Amino acid sequence: MIGIPGLLVILVIVVVIFGAGKLPEIGSGLGKGIRNFKDAVKSEEAKKIEDTKPPEEK
């Protein structure tokens, strides 16, 4: 796992590359991407569960 010092180094590199003004946009985009990924995983899990049910329960 990455510790606190590693996260700070990554944060400094991101600020240097993109600038402080772009951080909110980057964070928002990253959050939306993670949310979409979680929704897709949940959807696939629900589909798998539905597919494994016996025909009389569908």
N, C-alpha and C. Protein backbone atom coordinates (compact mmCIF):
# COMPACT_ATOMS: atom_id res chain seq x y z
N MET A 1 0.84 -1.19 0.00
CA MET A 1 0.00 0.00 0.00
C MET A 1 0.88 1.25 0.00
N ILE A 2 0.27 2.33 -0.41
CA ILE A 2 0.97 3.61 -0.43
C ILE A 2 0.72 4.31 0.89
N GLY A 3 1.78 4.76 1.53
CA GLY A 3 1.64 5.47 2.79
C GLY A 3 1.42 6.96 2.58
N ILE A 4 1.37 7.67 3.69
CA ILE A 4 1.16 9.12 3.65
C ILE A 4 2.27 9.83 2.86
N PRO A 5 3.55 9.50 3.08
CA PRO A 5 4.59 10.18 2.29
C PRO A 5 4.44 9.96 0.78
N GLY A 6 4.06 8.76 0.40
CA GLY A 6 3.86 8.48 -1.02
C GLY A 6 2.72 9.28 -1.60
N LEU A 7 1.63 9.40 -0.84
CA LEU A 7 0.49 10.20 -1.31
C LEU A 7 0.86 11.67 -1.44
N LEU A 8 1.65 12.17 -0.51
CA LEU A 8 2.07 13.57 -0.59
C LEU A 8 2.95 13.81 -1.82
N VAL A 9 3.83 12.90 -2.13
CA VAL A 9 4.68 13.03 -3.32
C VAL A 9 3.81 13.04 -4.58
N ILE A 10 2.84 12.14 -4.65
CA ILE A 10 1.94 12.10 -5.81
C ILE A 10 1.15 13.40 -5.92
N LEU A 11 0.65 13.92 -4.80
CA LEU A 11 -0.10 15.17 -4.81
C LEU A 11 0.75 16.32 -5.31
N VAL A 12 1.99 16.41 -4.85
CA VAL A 12 2.89 17.48 -5.30
C VAL A 12 3.14 17.37 -6.80
N ILE A 13 3.36 16.17 -7.28
CA ILE A 13 3.59 15.98 -8.72
C ILE A 13 2.37 16.40 -9.53
N VAL A 14 1.18 16.03 -9.07
CA VAL A 14 -0.06 16.40 -9.77
C VAL A 14 -0.23 17.92 -9.79
N VAL A 15 0.05 18.59 -8.67
CA VAL A 15 -0.08 20.05 -8.62
C VAL A 15 0.93 20.70 -9.56
N VAL A 16 2.13 20.18 -9.62
CA VAL A 16 3.14 20.76 -10.51
C VAL A 16 2.74 20.57 -11.97
N ILE A 17 2.22 19.40 -12.32
CA ILE A 17 1.88 19.12 -13.71
C ILE A 17 0.63 19.88 -14.15
N PHE A 18 -0.43 19.83 -13.36
CA PHE A 18 -1.71 20.40 -13.78
C PHE A 18 -1.98 21.79 -13.23
N GLY A 19 -1.36 22.17 -12.16
CA GLY A 19 -1.63 23.45 -11.54
C GLY A 19 -2.77 23.34 -10.54
N ALA A 20 -2.79 24.22 -9.56
CA ALA A 20 -3.78 24.15 -8.49
C ALA A 20 -5.20 24.41 -9.01
N GLY A 21 -5.34 25.19 -10.07
CA GLY A 21 -6.66 25.54 -10.59
C GLY A 21 -7.40 24.36 -11.20
N LYS A 22 -6.67 23.38 -11.68
CA LYS A 22 -7.29 22.22 -12.34
C LYS A 22 -7.65 21.10 -11.37
N LEU A 23 -7.18 21.17 -10.13
CA LEU A 23 -7.42 20.08 -9.17
C LEU A 23 -8.90 19.77 -8.95
N PRO A 24 -9.78 20.77 -8.80
CA PRO A 24 -11.20 20.44 -8.62
C PRO A 24 -11.79 19.68 -9.82
N GLU A 25 -11.38 20.07 -11.02
CA GLU A 25 -11.87 19.38 -12.22
C GLU A 25 -11.37 17.94 -12.26
N ILE A 26 -10.11 17.75 -11.92
CA ILE A 26 -9.54 16.41 -11.92
C ILE A 26 -10.23 15.55 -10.87
N GLY A 27 -10.44 16.10 -9.68
CA GLY A 27 -11.12 15.37 -8.61
C GLY A 27 -12.54 15.00 -8.99
N SER A 28 -13.24 15.93 -9.60
CA SER A 28 -14.62 15.67 -10.03
C SER A 28 -14.67 14.57 -11.07
N GLY A 29 -13.79 14.65 -12.04
CA GLY A 29 -13.75 13.61 -13.08
C GLY A 29 -13.39 12.25 -12.52
N LEU A 30 -12.45 12.22 -11.59
CA LEU A 30 -12.06 10.97 -10.96
C LEU A 30 -13.21 10.39 -10.15
N GLY A 31 -13.91 11.24 -9.42
CA GLY A 31 -15.05 10.78 -8.63
C GLY A 31 -16.16 10.21 -9.50
N LYS A 32 -16.44 10.88 -10.61
CA LYS A 32 -17.47 10.38 -11.54
C LYS A 32 -17.06 9.05 -12.14
N GLY A 33 -15.79 8.92 -12.47
CA GLY A 33 -15.30 7.66 -13.03
C GLY A 33 -15.43 6.51 -12.03
N ILE A 34 -15.07 6.75 -10.79
CA ILE A 34 -15.19 5.71 -9.75
C ILE A 34 -16.65 5.36 -9.53
N ARG A 35 -17.52 6.36 -9.50
CA ARG A 35 -18.95 6.12 -9.29
C ARG A 35 -19.53 5.29 -10.44
N ASN A 36 -19.16 5.61 -11.67
CA ASN A 36 -19.64 4.84 -12.81
C ASN A 36 -19.15 3.40 -12.77
N PHE A 37 -17.90 3.22 -12.35
CA PHE A 37 -17.34 1.87 -12.23
C PHE A 37 -18.10 1.06 -11.19
N LYS A 38 -18.37 1.67 -10.03
CA LYS A 38 -19.12 0.97 -8.98
C LYS A 38 -20.52 0.61 -9.46
N ASP A 39 -21.18 1.53 -10.14
CA ASP A 39 -22.52 1.25 -10.67
C ASP A 39 -22.50 0.10 -11.67
N ALA A 40 -21.48 0.05 -12.51
CA ALA A 40 -21.38 -1.02 -13.49
C ALA A 40 -21.14 -2.36 -12.81
N VAL A 41 -20.32 -2.37 -11.78
CA VAL A 41 -20.05 -3.62 -11.05
C VAL A 41 -21.32 -4.10 -10.36
N LYS A 42 -22.06 -3.19 -9.73
CA LYS A 42 -23.31 -3.57 -9.08
C LYS A 42 -24.32 -4.12 -10.09
N SER A 43 -24.38 -3.50 -11.26
CA SER A 43 -25.29 -3.93 -12.30
C SER A 43 -24.95 -5.34 -12.77
N GLU A 44 -23.66 -5.60 -12.95
CA GLU A 44 -23.22 -6.93 -13.38
C GLU A 44 -23.52 -7.98 -12.31
N GLU A 45 -23.32 -7.62 -11.04
CA GLU A 45 -23.60 -8.56 -9.95
C GLU A 45 -25.10 -8.87 -9.90
N ALA A 46 -25.94 -7.86 -10.07
CA ALA A 46 -27.38 -8.07 -10.06
C ALA A 46 -27.79 -8.96 -11.24
N LYS A 47 -27.16 -8.76 -12.38
CA LYS A 47 -27.47 -9.57 -13.56
C LYS A 47 -27.06 -11.03 -13.33
N LYS A 48 -25.88 -11.24 -12.72
CA LYS A 48 -25.44 -12.61 -12.42
C LYS A 48 -26.40 -13.30 -11.46
N ILE A 49 -26.82 -12.59 -10.43
CA ILE A 49 -27.75 -13.16 -9.45
C ILE A 49 -29.06 -13.51 -10.14
N GLU A 50 -29.56 -12.62 -10.98
CA GLU A 50 -30.82 -12.85 -11.68
C GLU A 50 -30.71 -14.06 -12.62
N ASP A 51 -29.55 -14.22 -13.26
CA ASP A 51 -29.34 -15.32 -14.19
C ASP A 51 -29.24 -16.67 -13.48
N THR A 52 -28.85 -16.69 -12.21
CA THR A 52 -28.68 -17.94 -11.50
C THR A 52 -29.95 -18.39 -10.77
N LYS A 53 -30.98 -17.56 -10.76
CA LYS A 53 -32.22 -17.94 -10.11
C LYS A 53 -32.94 -19.03 -10.93
N PRO A 54 -33.63 -19.92 -10.26
CA PRO A 54 -34.43 -20.91 -10.99
C PRO A 54 -35.53 -20.21 -11.79
N PRO A 55 -35.99 -20.81 -12.89
CA PRO A 55 -36.98 -20.18 -13.77
C PRO A 55 -38.27 -19.76 -13.06
N GLU A 56 -38.73 -20.51 -12.06
CA GLU A 56 -40.00 -20.17 -11.41
C GLU A 56 -39.91 -18.91 -10.56
N GLU A 57 -38.69 -18.48 -10.19
CA GLU A 57 -38.54 -17.27 -9.37
C GLU A 57 -38.36 -16.02 -10.23
N LYS A 58 -38.16 -16.15 -11.50
CA LYS A 58 -37.93 -14.97 -12.37
C LYS A 58 -39.21 -14.25 -12.65
